[in-house]
PDB file of N, CA and C in Angstrom:
ATOM      1  N   MET A   1      -7.847  -3.397   9.194  1.00  0.00           N
ATOM      2  CA  MET A   1      -6.777  -2.628   8.580  1.00  0.00           C
ATOM      3  C   MET A   1      -7.072  -1.138   8.790  1.00  0.00           C
ATOM      4  N   HIS A   2      -6.065  -0.369   9.182  1.00  0.00           N
ATOM      5  CA  HIS A   2      -6.275   1.062   9.354  1.00  0.00           C
ATOM      6  C   HIS A   2      -6.267   1.756   7.994  1.00  0.00           C
ATOM      7  N   ARG A   3      -6.731   2.985   7.949  1.00  0.00           N
ATOM      8  CA  ARG A   3      -6.962   3.659   6.662  1.00  0.00           C
ATOM      9  C   ARG A   3      -5.688   3.893   5.868  1.00  0.00           C
ATOM     10  N   LEU A   4      -4.542   4.055   6.519  1.00  0.00           N
ATOM     11  CA  LEU A   4      -3.303   4.249   5.772  1.00  0.00           C
ATOM     12  C   LEU A   4      -2.792   2.942   5.177  1.00  0.00           C
ATOM     13  N   ALA A   5      -3.045   1.831   5.858  1.00  0.00           N
ATOM     14  CA  ALA A   5      -2.545   0.542   5.367  1.00  0.00           C
ATOM     15  C   ALA A   5      -3.126   0.194   4.006  1.00  0.00           C
ATOM     16  N   ALA A   6      -4.335   0.630   3.748  1.00  0.00           N
ATOM     17  CA  ALA A   6      -4.960   0.338   2.460  1.00  0.00           C
ATOM     18  C   ALA A   6      -4.202   0.987   1.306  1.00  0.00           C
ATOM     19  N   LYS A   7      -3.423   2.016   1.595  1.00  0.00           N
ATOM     20  CA  LYS A   7      -2.674   2.725   0.557  1.00  0.00           C
ATOM     21  C   LYS A   7      -1.239   2.224   0.429  1.00  0.00           C
ATOM     22  N   ASN A   8      -0.784   1.415   1.362  1.00  0.00           N
ATOM     23  CA  ASN A   8       0.607   0.967   1.368  1.00  0.00           C
ATOM     24  C   ASN A   8       0.870  -0.076   0.294  1.00  0.00           C
ATOM     25  N   LYS A   9       2.088  -0.109  -0.185  1.00  0.00           N
ATOM     26  CA  LYS A   9       2.522  -1.093  -1.175  1.00  0.00           C
ATOM     27  C   LYS A   9       3.325  -2.177  -0.461  1.00  0.00           C
ATOM     28  N   TYR A  10       3.356  -3.342  -1.052  1.00  0.00           N
ATOM     29  CA  TYR A  10       4.191  -4.425  -0.560  1.00  0.00           C
ATOM     30  C   TYR A  10       5.499  -4.426  -1.340  1.00  0.00           C
ATOM     31  N   ILE A  11       6.583  -4.722  -0.640  1.00  0.00           N
ATOM     32  CA  ILE A  11       7.911  -4.760  -1.243  1.00  0.00           C
ATOM     33  C   ILE A  11       8.475  -6.164  -1.025  1.00  0.00           C
ATOM     34  N   GLY A  12       9.004  -6.734  -2.085  1.00  0.00           N
ATOM     35  CA  GLY A  12       9.652  -8.038  -1.984  1.00  0.00           C
ATOM     36  C   GLY A  12      11.093  -7.936  -2.441  1.00  0.00           C
ATOM     37  N   PHE A  13      11.993  -8.555  -1.710  1.00  0.00           N
ATOM     38  CA  PHE A  13      13.405  -8.630  -2.083  1.00  0.00           C
ATOM     39  C   PHE A  13      13.693 -10.091  -2.415  1.00  0.00           C
ATOM     40  N   LEU A  14      14.066 -10.367  -3.657  1.00  0.00           N
ATOM     41  CA  LEU A  14      14.383 -11.722  -4.097  1.00  0.00           C
ATOM     42  C   LEU A  14      15.891 -11.818  -4.260  1.00  0.00           C
ATOM     43  N   PHE A  15      16.521 -12.634  -3.441  1.00  0.00           N
ATOM     44  CA  PHE A  15      17.973 -12.795  -3.462  1.00  0.00           C
ATOM     45  C   PHE A  15      18.304 -13.993  -4.343  1.00  0.00           C
ATOM     46  N   MET A  16      19.174 -13.791  -5.337  1.00  0.00           N
ATOM     47  CA  MET A  16      19.377 -14.804  -6.365  1.00  0.00           C
ATOM     48  C   MET A  16      20.836 -15.168  -6.578  1.00  0.00           C
ATOM     49  N   LYS A  17      21.029 -16.413  -7.002  1.00  0.00           N
ATOM     50  CA  LYS A  17      22.337 -16.912  -7.426  1.00  0.00           C
ATOM     51  C   LYS A  17      22.226 -17.293  -8.898  1.00  0.00           C
ATOM     52  N   ILE A  18      23.225 -16.901  -9.681  1.00  0.00           N
ATOM     53  CA  ILE A  18      23.254 -17.197 -11.111  1.00  0.00           C
ATOM     54  C   ILE A  18      24.302 -18.281 -11.356  1.00  0.00           C
ATOM     55  N   SER A  19      23.912 -19.320 -12.084  1.00  0.00           N
ATOM     56  CA  SER A  19      24.838 -20.428 -12.341  1.00  0.00           C
ATOM     57  C   SER A  19      25.844 -20.052 -13.428  1.00  0.00           C
ATOM     58  N   PRO A  20      27.025 -20.637 -13.403  1.00  0.00           N
ATOM     59  CA  PRO A  20      28.029 -20.388 -14.448  1.00  0.00           C
ATOM     60  C   PRO A  20      27.520 -20.768 -15.846  1.00  0.00           C
ATOM     61  N   GLU A  21      26.604 -21.732 -15.919  1.00  0.00           N
ATOM     62  CA  GLU A  21      26.042 -22.147 -17.207  1.00  0.00           C
ATOM     63  C   GLU A  21      25.307 -21.009 -17.912  1.00  0.00           C
ATOM     64  N   TYR A  22      24.747 -20.096 -17.136  1.00  0.00           N
ATOM     65  CA  TYR A  22      24.051 -18.943 -17.723  1.00  0.00           C
ATOM     66  C   TYR A  22      25.030 -18.105 -18.544  1.00  0.00           C
ATOM     67  N   PHE A  23      26.179 -17.811 -17.975  1.00  0.00           N
ATOM     68  CA  PHE A  23      27.170 -16.996 -18.675  1.00  0.00           C
ATOM     69  C   PHE A  23      27.813 -17.771 -19.821  1.00  0.00           C
ATOM     70  N   ALA A  24      27.841 -19.095 -19.715  1.00  0.00           N
ATOM     71  CA  ALA A  24      28.387 -19.929 -20.793  1.00  0.00           C
ATOM     72  C   ALA A  24      27.512 -19.880 -22.046  1.00  0.00           C
ATOM     73  N   LEU A  25      26.276 -19.413 -21.906  1.00  0.00           N
ATOM     74  CA  LEU A  25      25.393 -19.276 -23.068  1.00  0.00           C
ATOM     75  C   LEU A  25      25.909 -18.235 -24.057  1.00  0.00           C
ATOM     76  N   GLY A  26      26.724 -17.307 -23.571  1.00  0.00           N
ATOM     77  CA  GLY A  26      27.208 -16.223 -24.423  1.00  0.00           C
ATOM     78  C   GLY A  26      26.146 -15.150 -24.590  1.00  0.00           C
ATOM     79  N   ARG A  27      26.524 -14.058 -25.233  1.00  0.00           N
ATOM     80  CA  ARG A  27      25.600 -12.925 -25.382  1.00  0.00           C
ATOM     81  C   ARG A  27      24.324 -13.304 -26.127  1.00  0.00           C
ATOM     82  N   LYS A  28      24.466 -14.035 -27.216  1.00  0.00           N
ATOM     83  CA  LYS A  28      23.296 -14.409 -28.011  1.00  0.00           C
ATOM     84  C   LYS A  28      22.375 -15.333 -27.216  1.00  0.00           C
ATOM     85  N   GLY A  29      22.934 -16.329 -26.563  1.00  0.00           N
ATOM     86  CA  GLY A  29      22.133 -17.253 -25.764  1.00  0.00           C
ATOM     87  C   GLY A  29      21.440 -16.564 -24.604  1.00  0.00           C
ATOM     88  N   ILE A  30      22.163 -15.676 -23.934  1.00  0.00           N
ATOM     89  CA  ILE A  30      21.566 -14.919 -22.826  1.00  0.00           C
ATOM     90  C   ILE A  30      20.428 -14.052 -23.343  1.00  0.00           C
ATOM     91  N   HIS A  31      20.618 -13.440 -24.502  1.00  0.00           N
ATOM     92  CA  HIS A  31      19.564 -12.606 -25.093  1.00  0.00           C
ATOM     93  C   HIS A  31      18.309 -13.440 -25.372  1.00  0.00           C
ATOM     94  N   GLU A  32      18.478 -14.628 -25.935  1.00  0.00           N
ATOM     95  CA  GLU A  32      17.332 -15.491 -26.242  1.00  0.00           C
ATOM     96  C   GLU A  32      16.592 -15.913 -24.977  1.00  0.00           C
ATOM     97  N   VAL A  33      17.338 -16.314 -23.963  1.00  0.00           N
ATOM     98  CA  VAL A  33      16.714 -16.709 -22.699  1.00  0.00           C
ATOM     99  C   VAL A  33      16.024 -15.508 -22.060  1.00  0.00           C
ATOM    100  N   SER A  34      16.660 -14.343 -22.111  1.00  0.00           N
ATOM    101  CA  SER A  34      16.092 -13.132 -21.509  1.00  0.00           C
ATOM    102  C   SER A  34      14.814 -12.705 -22.217  1.00  0.00           C
ATOM    103  N   LYS A  35      14.773 -12.848 -23.533  1.00  0.00           N
ATOM    104  CA  LYS A  35      13.562 -12.487 -24.283  1.00  0.00           C
ATOM    105  C   LYS A  35      12.404 -13.390 -23.878  1.00  0.00           C
ATOM    106  N   SER A  36      12.652 -14.678 -23.812  1.00  0.00           N
ATOM    107  CA  SER A  36      11.619 -15.623 -23.393  1.00  0.00           C
ATOM    108  C   SER A  36      11.162 -15.327 -21.963  1.00  0.00           C
ATOM    109  N   HIS A  37      12.118 -15.003 -21.105  1.00  0.00           N
ATOM    110  CA  HIS A  37      11.843 -14.640 -19.711  1.00  0.00           C
ATOM    111  C   HIS A  37      10.940 -13.403 -19.653  1.00  0.00           C
ATOM    112  N   ALA A  38      11.293 -12.372 -20.413  1.00  0.00           N
ATOM    113  CA  ALA A  38      10.508 -11.132 -20.418  1.00  0.00           C
ATOM    114  C   ALA A  38       9.101 -11.376 -20.960  1.00  0.00           C
ATOM    115  N   ASP A  39       8.998 -12.189 -22.000  1.00  0.00           N
ATOM    116  CA  ASP A  39       7.682 -12.494 -22.567  1.00  0.00           C
ATOM    117  C   ASP A  39       6.781 -13.191 -21.553  1.00  0.00           C
ATOM    118  N   SER A  40       7.336 -14.130 -20.787  1.00  0.00           N
ATOM    119  CA  SER A  40       6.518 -14.879 -19.825  1.00  0.00           C
ATOM    120  C   SER A  40       6.092 -14.025 -18.631  1.00  0.00           C
ATOM    121  N   LEU A  41       6.879 -13.002 -18.312  1.00  0.00           N
ATOM    122  CA  LEU A  41       6.540 -12.143 -17.165  1.00  0.00           C
ATOM    123  C   LEU A  41       5.824 -10.860 -17.570  1.00  0.00           C
ATOM    124  N   GLU A  42       5.577 -10.688 -18.859  1.00  0.00           N
ATOM    125  CA  GLU A  42       4.935  -9.461 -19.346  1.00  0.00           C
ATOM    126  C   GLU A  42       3.576  -9.227 -18.699  1.00  0.00           C
ATOM    127  N   LYS A  43       2.858 -10.298 -18.391  1.00  0.00           N
ATOM    128  CA  LYS A  43       1.526 -10.155 -17.795  1.00  0.00           C
ATOM    129  C   LYS A  43       1.562  -9.449 -16.440  1.00  0.00           C
ATOM    130  N   PHE A  44       2.736  -9.378 -15.822  1.00  0.00           N
ATOM    131  CA  PHE A  44       2.864  -8.710 -14.528  1.00  0.00           C
ATOM    132  C   PHE A  44       3.332  -7.261 -14.654  1.00  0.00           C
ATOM    133  N   SER A  45       3.602  -6.806 -15.865  1.00  0.00           N
ATOM    134  CA  SER A  45       4.211  -5.485 -16.051  1.00  0.00           C
ATOM    135  C   SER A  45       3.336  -4.345 -15.542  1.00  0.00           C
ATOM    136  N   ASP A  46       2.013  -4.504 -15.580  1.00  0.00           N
ATOM    137  CA  ASP A  46       1.129  -3.456 -15.072  1.00  0.00           C
ATOM    138  C   ASP A  46       0.906  -3.564 -13.569  1.00  0.00           C
ATOM    139  N   LEU A  47       1.317  -4.675 -12.970  1.00  0.00           N
ATOM    140  CA  LEU A  47       1.066  -4.915 -11.550  1.00  0.00           C
ATOM    141  C   LEU A  47       2.277  -4.666 -10.667  1.00  0.00           C
ATOM    142  N   LEU A  48       3.470  -4.814 -11.245  1.00  0.00           N
ATOM    143  CA  LEU A  48       4.688  -4.751 -10.447  1.00  0.00           C
ATOM    144  C   LEU A  48       5.633  -3.671 -10.938  1.00  0.00           C
ATOM    145  N   THR A  49       6.331  -3.063 -10.008  1.00  0.00           N
ATOM    146  CA  THR A  49       7.496  -2.251 -10.318  1.00  0.00           C
ATOM    147  C   THR A  49       8.679  -3.066  -9.835  1.00  0.00           C
ATOM    148  N   HIS A  50       9.707  -3.200 -10.657  1.00  0.00           N
ATOM    149  CA  HIS A  50      10.846  -3.978 -10.183  1.00  0.00           C
ATOM    150  C   HIS A  50      12.161  -3.316 -10.553  1.00  0.00           C
ATOM    151  N   VAL A  51      13.138  -3.561  -9.696  1.00  0.00           N
ATOM    152  CA  VAL A  51      14.491  -3.047  -9.870  1.00  0.00           C
ATOM    153  C   VAL A  51      15.421  -4.246  -9.747  1.00  0.00           C
ATOM    154  N   VAL A  52      16.305  -4.414 -10.717  1.00  0.00           N
ATOM    155  CA  VAL A  52      17.271  -5.508 -10.679  1.00  0.00           C
ATOM    156  C   VAL A  52      18.637  -4.920 -10.363  1.00  0.00           C
ATOM    157  N   THR A  53      19.302  -5.480  -9.368  1.00  0.00           N
ATOM    158  CA  THR A  53      20.633  -5.018  -8.991  1.00  0.00           C
ATOM    159  C   THR A  53      21.623  -6.163  -9.158  1.00  0.00           C
ATOM    160  N   SER A  54      22.866  -5.831  -9.330  1.00  0.00           N
ATOM    161  CA  SER A  54      23.911  -6.854  -9.439  1.00  0.00           C
ATOM    162  C   SER A  54      24.769  -6.834  -8.194  1.00  0.00           C
ATOM    163  N   GLY A  55      25.100  -8.010  -7.710  1.00  0.00           N
ATOM    164  CA  GLY A  55      25.984  -8.121  -6.560  1.00  0.00           C
ATOM    165  C   GLY A  55      27.380  -8.492  -7.011  1.00  0.00           C
ATOM    166  N   LEU A  56      28.346  -8.144  -6.220  1.00  0.00           N
ATOM    167  CA  LEU A  56      29.731  -8.471  -6.545  1.00  0.00           C
ATOM    168  C   LEU A  56      30.372  -9.337  -5.468  1.00  0.00           C
ATOM    169  N   THR A  57      29.552  -9.914  -4.612  1.00  0.00           N
ATOM    170  CA  THR A  57      30.075 -10.800  -3.575  1.00  0.00           C
ATOM    171  C   THR A  57      29.689 -12.234  -3.915  1.00  0.00           C
ATOM    172  N   THR A  58      30.157 -13.168  -3.134  1.00  0.00           N
ATOM    173  CA  THR A  58      29.826 -14.568  -3.390  1.00  0.00           C
ATOM    174  C   THR A  58      28.473 -14.968  -2.818  1.00  0.00           C
ATOM    175  N   LYS A  59      27.872 -14.110  -2.009  1.00  0.00           N
ATOM    176  CA  LYS A  59      26.609 -14.481  -1.383  1.00  0.00           C
ATOM    177  C   LYS A  59      25.439 -14.427  -2.366  1.00  0.00           C
ATOM    178  N   TYR A  60      25.271 -13.300  -3.079  1.00  0.00           N
ATOM    179  CA  TYR A  60      24.189 -13.154  -4.051  1.00  0.00           C
ATOM    180  C   TYR A  60      24.748 -12.532  -5.322  1.00  0.00           C
ATOM    181  N   ASP A  61      24.271 -13.016  -6.450  1.00  0.00           N
ATOM    182  CA  ASP A  61      24.660 -12.424  -7.724  1.00  0.00           C
ATOM    183  C   ASP A  61      23.703 -11.317  -8.139  1.00  0.00           C
ATOM    184  N   GLN A  62      22.472 -11.415  -7.666  1.00  0.00           N
ATOM    185  CA  GLN A  62      21.454 -10.455  -8.078  1.00  0.00           C
ATOM    186  C   GLN A  62      20.422 -10.330  -6.974  1.00  0.00           C
ATOM    187  N   VAL A  63      19.930  -9.122  -6.767  1.00  0.00           N
ATOM    188  CA  VAL A  63      18.808  -8.890  -5.871  1.00  0.00           C
ATOM    189  C   VAL A  63      17.756  -8.152  -6.687  1.00  0.00           C
ATOM    190  N   THR A  64      16.576  -8.741  -6.773  1.00  0.00           N
ATOM    191  CA  THR A  64      15.477  -8.100  -7.479  1.00  0.00           C
ATOM    192  C   THR A  64      14.513  -7.560  -6.435  1.00  0.00           C
ATOM    193  N   ILE A  65      14.156  -6.307  -6.587  1.00  0.00           N
ATOM    194  CA  ILE A  65      13.236  -5.649  -5.667  1.00  0.00           C
ATOM    195  C   ILE A  65      11.935  -5.426  -6.423  1.00  0.00           C
ATOM    196  N   VAL A  66      10.824  -5.931  -5.883  1.00  0.00           N
ATOM    197  CA  VAL A  66       9.531  -5.760  -6.534  1.00  0.00           C
ATOM    198  C   VAL A  66       8.579  -5.025  -5.599  1.00  0.00           C
ATOM    199  N   GLU A  67       7.716  -4.232  -6.195  1.00  0.00           N
ATOM    200  CA  GLU A  67       6.703  -3.499  -5.442  1.00  0.00           C
ATOM    201  C   GLU A  67       5.356  -3.812  -6.070  1.00  0.00           C
ATOM    202  N   ALA A  68       4.350  -4.109  -5.233  1.00  0.00           N
ATOM    203  CA  ALA A  68       3.024  -4.451  -5.736  1.00  0.00           C
ATOM    204  C   ALA A  68       1.960  -4.021  -4.735  1.00  0.00           C
ATOM    205  N   ASP A  69       0.720  -4.041  -5.191  1.00  0.00           N
ATOM    206  CA  ASP A  69      -0.395  -3.695  -4.316  1.00  0.00           C
ATOM    207  C   ASP A  69      -0.757  -4.825  -3.358  1.00  0.00           C
ATOM    208  N   THR A  70      -0.464  -6.071  -3.760  1.00  0.00           N
ATOM    209  CA  THR A  70      -0.831  -7.214  -2.917  1.00  0.00           C
ATOM    210  C   THR A  70       0.320  -8.215  -2.820  1.00  0.00           C
ATOM    211  N   LEU A  71       0.293  -9.004  -1.765  1.00  0.00           N
ATOM    212  CA  LEU A  71       1.268 -10.084  -1.615  1.00  0.00           C
ATOM    213  C   LEU A  71       1.060 -11.147  -2.693  1.00  0.00           C
ATOM    214  N   GLU A  72      -0.188 -11.344  -3.081  1.00  0.00           N
ATOM    215  CA  GLU A  72      -0.499 -12.349  -4.094  1.00  0.00           C
ATOM    216  C   GLU A  72       0.180 -12.035  -5.420  1.00  0.00           C
ATOM    217  N   GLN A  73       0.262 -10.752  -5.780  1.00  0.00           N
ATOM    218  CA  GLN A  73       0.917 -10.368  -7.031  1.00  0.00           C
ATOM    219  C   GLN A  73       2.407 -10.694  -6.986  1.00  0.00           C
ATOM    220  N   ILE A  74       3.042 -10.437  -5.848  1.00  0.00           N
ATOM    221  CA  ILE A  74       4.466 -10.756  -5.703  1.00  0.00           C
ATOM    222  C   ILE A  74       4.666 -12.272  -5.767  1.00  0.00           C
ATOM    223  N   HIS A  75       3.825 -13.002  -5.064  1.00  0.00           N
ATOM    224  CA  HIS A  75       3.939 -14.466  -5.062  1.00  0.00           C
ATOM    225  C   HIS A  75       3.735 -15.037  -6.467  1.00  0.00           C
ATOM    226  N   ALA A  76       2.733 -14.553  -7.182  1.00  0.00           N
ATOM    227  CA  ALA A  76       2.456 -15.058  -8.533  1.00  0.00           C
ATOM    228  C   ALA A  76       3.626 -14.794  -9.476  1.00  0.00           C
ATOM    229  N   ALA A  77       4.217 -13.608  -9.386  1.00  0.00           N
ATOM    230  CA  ALA A  77       5.355 -13.278 -10.250  1.00  0.00           C
ATOM    231  C   ALA A  77       6.575 -14.129  -9.892  1.00  0.00           C
ATOM    232  N   ALA A  78       6.826 -14.324  -8.607  1.00  0.00           N
ATOM    233  CA  ALA A  78       7.967 -15.148  -8.185  1.00  0.00           C
ATOM    234  C   ALA A  78       7.776 -16.601  -8.623  1.00  0.00           C
ATOM    235  N   THR A  79       6.558 -17.096  -8.533  1.00  0.00           N
ATOM    236  CA  THR A  79       6.267 -18.462  -8.979  1.00  0.00           C
ATOM    237  C   THR A  79       6.462 -18.590 -10.483  1.00  0.00           C
ATOM    238  N   GLU A  80       5.975 -17.622 -11.234  1.00  0.00           N
ATOM    239  CA  GLU A  80       6.154 -17.627 -12.692  1.00  0.00           C
ATOM    240  C   GLU A  80       7.639 -17.597 -13.041  1.00  0.00           C
ATOM    241  N   PHE A  81       8.406 -16.805 -12.302  1.00  0.00           N
ATOM    242  CA  PHE A  81       9.851 -16.745 -12.525  1.00  0.00           C
ATOM    243  C   PHE A  81      10.484 -18.122 -12.328  1.00  0.00           C
ATOM    244  N   ARG A  82      10.092 -18.801 -11.241  1.00  0.00           N
ATOM    245  CA  ARG A  82      10.675 -20.113 -10.925  1.00  0.00           C
ATOM    246  C   ARG A  82      10.314 -21.181 -11.957  1.00  0.00           C
ATOM    247  N   MET A  83       9.261 -20.941 -12.742  1.00  0.00           N
ATOM    248  CA  MET A  83       8.868 -21.896 -13.776  1.00  0.00           C
ATOM    249  C   MET A  83       9.326 -21.450 -15.164  1.00  0.00           C
ATOM    250  N   GLY A  84       9.919 -20.278 -15.257  1.00  0.00           N
ATOM    251  CA  GLY A  84      10.234 -19.685 -16.548  1.00  0.00           C
ATOM    252  C   GLY A  84      11.587 -20.044 -17.122  1.00  0.00           C
ATOM    253  N   ALA A  85      11.937 -19.326 -18.185  1.00  0.00           N
ATOM    254  CA  ALA A  85      13.134 -19.603 -18.980  1.00  0.00           C
ATOM    255  C   ALA A  85      14.438 -19.470 -18.196  1.00  0.00           C
ATOM    256  N   LYS A  86      14.493 -18.555 -17.253  1.00  0.00           N
ATOM    257  CA  LYS A  86      15.739 -18.346 -16.511  1.00  0.00           C
ATOM    258  C   LYS A  86      15.862 -19.229 -15.271  1.00  0.00           C
ATOM    259  N   ALA A  87      14.805 -19.967 -14.961  1.00  0.00           N
ATOM    260  CA  ALA A  87      14.793 -20.752 -13.721  1.00  0.00           C
ATOM    261  C   ALA A  87      15.905 -21.788 -13.657  1.00  0.00           C
ATOM    262  N   GLN A  88      16.298 -22.339 -14.795  1.00  0.00           N
ATOM    263  CA  GLN A  88      17.370 -23.337 -14.766  1.00  0.00           C
ATOM    264  C   GLN A  88      18.741 -22.717 -14.548  1.00  0.00           C
ATOM    265  N   TYR A  89      18.820 -21.387 -14.669  1.00  0.00           N
ATOM    266  CA  TYR A  89      20.097 -20.691 -14.519  1.00  0.00           C
ATOM    267  C   TYR A  89      20.163 -19.791 -13.285  1.00  0.00           C
ATOM    268  N   ILE A  90      19.007 -19.303 -12.847  1.00  0.00           N
ATOM    269  CA  ILE A  90      18.970 -18.352 -11.733  1.00  0.00           C
ATOM    270  C   ILE A  90      18.040 -18.902 -10.657  1.00  0.00           C
ATOM    271  N   GLU A  91      18.579 -19.063  -9.465  1.00  0.00           N
ATOM    272  CA  GLU A  91      17.814 -19.609  -8.349  1.00  0.00           C
ATOM    273  C   GLU A  91      17.491 -18.505  -7.349  1.00  0.00           C
ATOM    274  N   ILE A  92      16.224 -18.446  -6.929  1.00  0.00           N
ATOM    275  CA  ILE A  92      15.845 -17.560  -5.830  1.00  0.00           C
ATOM    276  C   ILE A  92      16.220 -18.304  -4.551  1.00  0.00           C
ATOM    277  N   VAL A  93      17.257 -17.827  -3.861  1.00  0.00           N
ATOM    278  CA  VAL A  93      17.737 -18.538  -2.672  1.00  0.00           C
ATOM    279  C   VAL A  93      17.136 -18.001  -1.383  1.00  0.00           C
ATOM    280  N   ASP A  94      16.581 -16.802  -1.442  1.00  0.00           N
ATOM    281  CA  ASP A  94      15.937 -16.225  -0.265  1.00  0.00           C
ATOM    282  C   ASP A  94      14.990 -15.137  -0.735  1.00  0.00           C
ATOM    283  N   MET A  95      13.998 -14.859   0.086  1.00  0.00           N
ATOM    284  CA  MET A  95      13.037 -13.813  -0.259  1.00  0.00           C
ATOM    285  C   MET A  95      12.546 -13.175   1.029  1.00  0.00           C
ATOM    286  N   VAL A  96      12.462 -11.866   1.026  1.00  0.00           N
ATOM    287  CA  VAL A  96      11.944 -11.119   2.163  1.00  0.00           C
ATOM    288  C   VAL A  96      10.850 -10.205   1.631  1.00  0.00           C
ATOM    289  N   VAL A  97       9.703 -10.198   2.300  1.00  0.00           N
ATOM    290  CA  VAL A  97       8.589  -9.355   1.874  1.00  0.00           C
ATOM    291  C   VAL A  97       8.165  -8.494   3.051  1.00  0.00           C
ATOM    292  N   GLY A  98       7.875  -7.241   2.768  1.00  0.00           N
ATOM    293  CA  GLY A  98       7.409  -6.331   3.805  1.00  0.00           C
ATOM    294  C   GLY A  98       6.413  -5.349   3.238  1.00  0.00           C
ATOM    295  N   ILE A  99       5.908  -4.504   4.091  1.00  0.00           N
ATOM    296  CA  ILE A  99       4.959  -3.484   3.655  1.00  0.00           C
ATOM    297  C   ILE A  99       5.640  -2.128   3.730  1.00  0.00           C
ATOM    298  N   LYS A 100       5.434  -1.332   2.729  1.00  0.00           N
ATOM    299  CA  LYS A 100       6.055  -0.015   2.642  1.00  0.00           C
ATOM    300  C   LYS A 100       5.189   0.973   3.418  1.00  0.00           C
ATOM    301  N   ALA A 101       5.789   1.655   4.365  1.00  0.00           N
ATOM    302  CA  ALA A 101       5.061   2.634   5.167  1.00  0.00           C
ATOM    303  C   ALA A 101       4.821   3.900   4.349  1.00  0.00           C
ATOM    304  N   PRO A 102       3.787   4.664   4.709  1.00  0.00           N
ATOM    305  CA  PRO A 102       3.561   5.920   3.990  1.00  0.00           C
ATOM    306  C   PRO A 102       4.668   6.915   4.317  1.00  0.00           C
ATOM    307  N   PRO A 103       4.840   7.921   3.477  1.00  0.00           N
ATOM    308  CA  PRO A 103       5.823   8.959   3.804  1.00  0.00           C
ATOM    309  C   PRO A 103       5.541   9.536   5.191  1.00  0.00           C
ATOM    310  N   ARG A 104       6.585   9.885   5.906  1.00  0.00           N
ATOM    311  CA  ARG A 104       6.437  10.362   7.288  1.00  0.00           C
ATOM    312  C   ARG A 104       5.435  11.502   7.406  1.00  0.00           C
ATOM    313  N   SER A 105       5.394  12.371   6.448  1.00  0.00           N
ATOM    314  CA  SER A 105       4.478  13.513   6.544  1.00  0.00           C
ATOM    315  C   SER A 105       3.018  13.081   6.445  1.00  0.00           C
ATOM    316  N   HIS A 106       2.758  11.860   5.944  1.00  0.00           N
ATOM    317  CA  HIS A 106       1.384  11.395   5.796  1.00  0.00           C
ATOM    318  C   HIS A 106       0.912  10.563   6.978  1.00  0.00           C
ATOM    319  N   GLY A 107       1.831  10.140   7.817  1.00  0.00           N
ATOM    320  CA  GLY A 107       1.467   9.335   8.974  1.00  0.00           C
ATOM    321  C   GLY A 107       0.959  10.223  10.103  1.00  0.00           C
ATOM    322  N   VAL A 108      -0.028   9.740  10.824  1.00  0.00           N
ATOM    323  CA  VAL A 108      -0.526  10.475  11.992  1.00  0.00           C
ATOM    324  C   VAL A 108      -0.635   9.493  13.146  1.00  0.00           C
ATOM    325  N   ARG A 109      -0.524  10.009  14.341  1.00  0.00           N
ATOM    326  CA  ARG A 109      -0.671   9.160  15.515  1.00  0.00           C
ATOM    327  C   ARG A 109      -2.143   8.777  15.679  1.00  0.00           C
ATOM    328  N   LEU A 110      -2.371   7.678  16.358  1.00  0.00           N
ATOM    329  CA  LEU A 110      -3.722   7.166  16.534  1.00  0.00           C
ATOM    330  C   LEU A 110      -4.647   8.211  17.146  1.00  0.00           C
ATOM    331  N   ALA A 111      -4.190   8.916  18.179  1.00  0.00           N
ATOM    332  CA  ALA A 111      -5.029   9.934  18.818  1.00  0.00           C
ATOM    333  C   ALA A 111      -5.398  11.028  17.817  1.00  0.00           C
ATOM    334  N   GLN A 112      -4.435  11.429  16.986  1.00  0.00           N
ATOM    335  CA  GLN A 112      -4.718  12.442  15.971  1.00  0.00           C
ATOM    336  C   GLN A 112      -5.709  11.912  14.940  1.00  0.00           C
ATOM    337  N   ALA A 113      -5.555  10.662  14.551  1.00  0.00           N
ATOM    338  CA  ALA A 113      -6.460  10.058  13.571  1.00  0.00           C
ATOM    339  C   ALA A 113      -7.877   9.997  14.121  1.00  0.00           C
ATOM    340  N   GLU A 114      -8.008   9.618  15.394  1.00  0.00           N
ATOM    341  CA  GLU A 114      -9.332   9.555  16.013  1.00  0.00           C
ATOM    342  C   GLU A 114      -9.954  10.940  16.100  1.00  0.00           C
ATOM    343  N   GLN A 115      -9.138  11.939  16.423  1.00  0.00           N
ATOM    344  CA  GLN A 115      -9.637  13.308  16.509  1.00  0.00           C
ATOM    345  C   GLN A 115     -10.091  13.793  15.130  1.00  0.00           C
ATOM    346  N   LEU A 116      -9.295  13.540  14.115  1.00  0.00           N
ATOM    347  CA  LEU A 116      -9.664  13.941  12.757  1.00  0.00           C
ATOM    348  C   LEU A 116     -10.936  13.241  12.294  1.00  0.00           C
ATOM    349  N   GLU A 117     -11.068  11.980  12.641  1.00  0.00           N
ATOM    350  CA  GLU A 117     -12.263  11.228  12.264  1.00  0.00           C
ATOM    351  C   GLU A 117     -13.493  11.781  12.975  1.00  0.00           C
ATOM    352  N   ALA A 118     -13.353  12.106  14.266  1.00  0.00           N
ATOM    353  CA  ALA A 118     -14.468  12.666  15.031  1.00  0.00           C
ATOM    354  C   ALA A 118     -14.890  14.013  14.460  1.00  0.00           C
ATOM    355  N   GLU A 119     -13.916  14.834  14.079  1.00  0.00           N
ATOM    356  CA  GLU A 119     -14.221  16.145  13.507  1.00  0.00           C
ATOM    357  C   GLU A 119     -14.916  16.017  12.158  1.00  0.00           C
ATOM    358  N   SER A 120     -14.552  15.021  11.391  1.00  0.00           N
ATOM    359  CA  SER A 120     -15.141  14.871  10.056  1.00  0.00           C
ATOM    360  C   SER A 120     -16.574  14.359  10.105  1.00  0.00           C
ATOM    361  N   THR A 121     -16.976  13.726  11.214  1.00  0.00           N
ATOM    362  CA  THR A 121     -18.348  13.216  11.326  1.00  0.00           C
ATOM    363  C   THR A 121     -19.286  14.227  11.968  1.00  0.00           C
ATOM    364  N   GLU A 122     -18.743  15.325  12.453  1.00  0.00           N
ATOM    365  CA  GLU A 122     -19.591  16.342  13.109  1.00  0.00           C
ATOM    366  C   GLU A 122     -20.302  17.195  12.104  1.00  0.00           C
TER     367      GLU A 122
END
């Protein structure tokens, strides 16, 4: 692994479909399921940053974006989700995971990196 890769974060996109039964629970029922869901995933709160978006098309109802230091953290959280309170109502139908590149100003070409490394050892 090169020195910048050690600083990169992993990003996961979880594409989800929500069943009509979820909305049939009503506000109170959704609140109860959501509280149980949040409680079960609380152990990941220090490991993951996540953003939940709503879709308005028939393809996906929700896309959750998670950021973590390792792929294992994303996998563990997704697995916990699939076993949790919302799993019977919300299905992860697709998932894409990638690595977040450093900001452009922090990236250097290999030749520059080798030169900087050589200068630092002199």
